[in-house]
Amino acid sequence: MNINVLVVDDEKPLRDFVRRNLEVRGFKVLTASNGLEALAIFNNENIQLVIMDIMMPHMDGLETTRRIRQDSHVPIIILTAMGEEADKVRAFDLGADDYLTKPFGVGELLGRVKAVLRRVDWSDPGSN
C-alpha cells in the first residue's frame, strides 16, 4: 500500500500515536504540528489523505482545510476535541469528509480512514 497520509496535530504524542498505527498498516505518514507546516508539506508531497486537528497555533485546521480545498479533493478527516454539532457542520462546510472526536479508538480511526479512501476509489476509477 503506497498511500501518503499527512497527520496534522499540535500534540506530538497524538501525532506519534496516529503515525505509528497507520505505519504498521502500510501507510506512509508525514506529520505537521500546525496548519502552515501542513500546507508546506501538502504542496510539496503527493498526499492522498489528511488527518487534521482543528485547534492549532499559527493556522487552525479549519483554515487549513479551506485552503487545501481550493485546489484539491484529497480526503480530509478532522480529528479534534471539539465535538459540538456547530463545529462539525462548519468543518463539513469547509470541505472535511469526516469528523472524529477525541478521545477515539484505533479501530474507529482505521475504519474512517478506509471508508474515505474507498470513496475516493469509487469516485475516480483511474486512481491508484
Protein backbone atom coordinates (compact mmCIF):
# COMPACT_ATOMS: atom_id res chain seq x y z
CA MET A 1 0.00 0.00 0.00
CA ASN A 2 1.56 3.29 -1.06
CA ILE A 3 -0.83 5.82 0.43
CA ASN A 4 0.70 9.01 1.78
CA VAL A 5 -1.11 10.37 4.84
CA LEU A 6 -0.48 13.78 6.38
CA VAL A 7 -1.24 13.87 10.12
CA VAL A 8 -1.60 17.42 11.47
CA ASP A 9 -1.86 18.00 15.22
CA ASP A 10 -0.02 20.26 17.65
CA GLU A 11 0.10 17.46 20.26
CA LYS A 12 3.20 15.36 19.49
CA PRO A 13 2.04 12.28 21.48
CA LEU A 14 -1.19 12.14 19.45
CA ARG A 15 0.65 12.71 16.15
CA ASP A 16 3.04 9.89 17.02
CA PHE A 17 0.19 7.59 18.12
CA VAL A 18 -1.70 8.06 14.84
CA ARG A 19 1.51 7.81 12.78
CA ARG A 20 2.57 4.54 14.41
CA ASN A 21 -0.87 2.97 14.00
CA LEU A 22 -1.01 3.90 10.31
CA GLU A 23 2.60 2.93 9.54
CA VAL A 24 2.21 -0.60 10.93
CA ARG A 25 -0.69 -0.97 8.50
CA GLY A 26 1.41 0.03 5.49
CA PHE A 27 0.69 3.75 5.17
CA LYS A 28 3.48 6.28 4.62
CA VAL A 29 2.91 9.04 7.17
CA LEU A 30 4.16 12.62 7.19
CA THR A 31 3.41 14.87 10.16
CA ALA A 32 2.96 18.57 10.83
CA SER A 33 2.35 20.46 14.07
CA ASN A 34 0.27 23.30 12.61
CA GLY A 35 -1.58 24.41 9.51
CA LEU A 36 1.31 26.35 7.98
CA GLU A 37 3.59 23.31 8.18
CA ALA A 38 0.77 21.16 6.82
CA LEU A 39 0.28 23.37 3.75
CA ALA A 40 4.02 23.38 3.02
CA ILE A 41 4.14 19.57 3.16
CA PHE A 42 0.86 19.20 1.26
CA ASN A 43 2.11 21.41 -1.57
CA ASN A 44 5.41 19.51 -1.90
CA GLU A 45 4.33 15.89 -1.45
CA ASN A 46 1.77 13.61 -3.09
CA ILE A 47 -0.64 13.43 -0.14
CA GLN A 48 -3.67 11.16 -0.54
CA LEU A 49 -5.29 11.66 2.89
CA VAL A 50 -5.14 14.38 5.54
CA ILE A 51 -5.98 13.80 9.21
CA MET A 52 -6.31 17.24 10.82
CA ASP A 53 -6.81 18.72 14.26
CA ILE A 54 -8.76 21.99 14.49
CA MET A 55 -7.18 23.87 17.39
CA MET A 56 -3.54 24.55 16.50
CA PRO A 57 -1.18 27.53 16.61
CA HIS A 58 -0.28 29.67 13.56
CA MET A 59 -3.17 28.39 11.42
CA ASP A 60 -6.06 26.29 12.66
CA GLY A 61 -7.33 23.16 10.99
CA LEU A 62 -10.46 24.78 9.57
CA GLU A 63 -8.49 27.43 7.66
CA THR A 64 -6.02 24.78 6.55
CA THR A 65 -8.91 22.61 5.32
CA ARG A 66 -10.37 25.58 3.43
CA ARG A 67 -7.04 26.26 1.72
CA ILE A 68 -6.47 22.62 0.76
CA ARG A 69 -9.99 22.51 -0.71
CA GLN A 70 -9.21 25.44 -3.02
CA ASP A 71 -7.02 23.15 -5.13
CA SER A 72 -7.61 19.56 -4.08
CA HIS A 73 -10.25 16.90 -3.48
CA VAL A 74 -7.99 14.85 -1.20
CA PRO A 75 -9.98 13.30 1.67
CA ILE A 76 -9.73 15.20 4.95
CA ILE A 77 -10.65 13.68 8.31
CA ILE A 78 -10.97 16.16 11.15
CA LEU A 79 -9.66 14.75 14.43
CA THR A 80 -10.47 17.07 17.32
CA ALA A 81 -11.75 17.51 20.85
CA MET A 82 -14.37 19.95 19.54
CA GLY A 83 -17.49 17.82 19.43
CA GLU A 84 -20.32 20.32 19.20
CA GLU A 85 -22.65 19.98 16.23
CA ALA A 86 -21.87 23.53 15.05
CA ASP A 87 -18.14 22.68 14.94
CA LYS A 88 -18.85 19.59 12.86
CA VAL A 89 -21.13 21.46 10.45
CA ARG A 90 -18.52 24.20 9.97
CA ALA A 91 -15.82 21.62 9.24
CA PHE A 92 -18.04 19.85 6.69
CA ASP A 93 -18.99 23.19 5.10
CA LEU A 94 -15.28 23.98 4.65
CA GLY A 95 -14.63 20.66 2.94
CA ALA A 96 -13.97 17.97 5.55
CA ASP A 97 -15.00 14.46 4.55
CA ASP A 98 -15.29 13.02 8.04
CA TYR A 99 -15.05 14.10 11.67
CA LEU A 100 -13.70 12.10 14.59
CA THR A 101 -13.93 13.40 18.15
CA LYS A 102 -11.13 12.83 20.69
CA PRO A 103 -10.75 10.57 22.53
CA PHE A 104 -11.13 7.89 19.88
CA GLY A 105 -10.26 4.26 19.40
CA VAL A 106 -7.77 3.00 16.84
CA GLY A 107 -10.43 0.79 15.29
CA GLU A 108 -12.74 3.71 14.63
CA LEU A 109 -9.92 5.82 13.17
CA LEU A 110 -8.86 2.99 10.84
CA GLY A 111 -12.46 2.36 9.82
CA ARG A 112 -12.91 6.00 8.89
CA VAL A 113 -9.59 6.07 7.00
CA LYS A 114 -10.63 3.02 4.98
CA ALA A 115 -14.08 4.50 4.32
CA VAL A 116 -12.84 7.84 2.93
CA LEU A 117 -10.20 6.11 0.81
CA ARG A 118 -12.83 3.70 -0.53
CA ARG A 119 -14.99 6.67 -1.56
CA VAL A 120 -12.02 8.17 -3.43
CA ASP A 121 -11.61 4.91 -5.34
CA TRP A 122 -15.32 4.89 -6.22
CA SER A 123 -15.34 8.48 -7.43
CA ASP A 124 -12.16 8.17 -9.50
CA PRO A 125 -11.81 4.76 -11.14
CA GLY A 126 -8.45 5.80 -12.60
CA SER A 127 -6.84 6.49 -9.23
CA ASN A 128 -4.34 4.15 -7.54
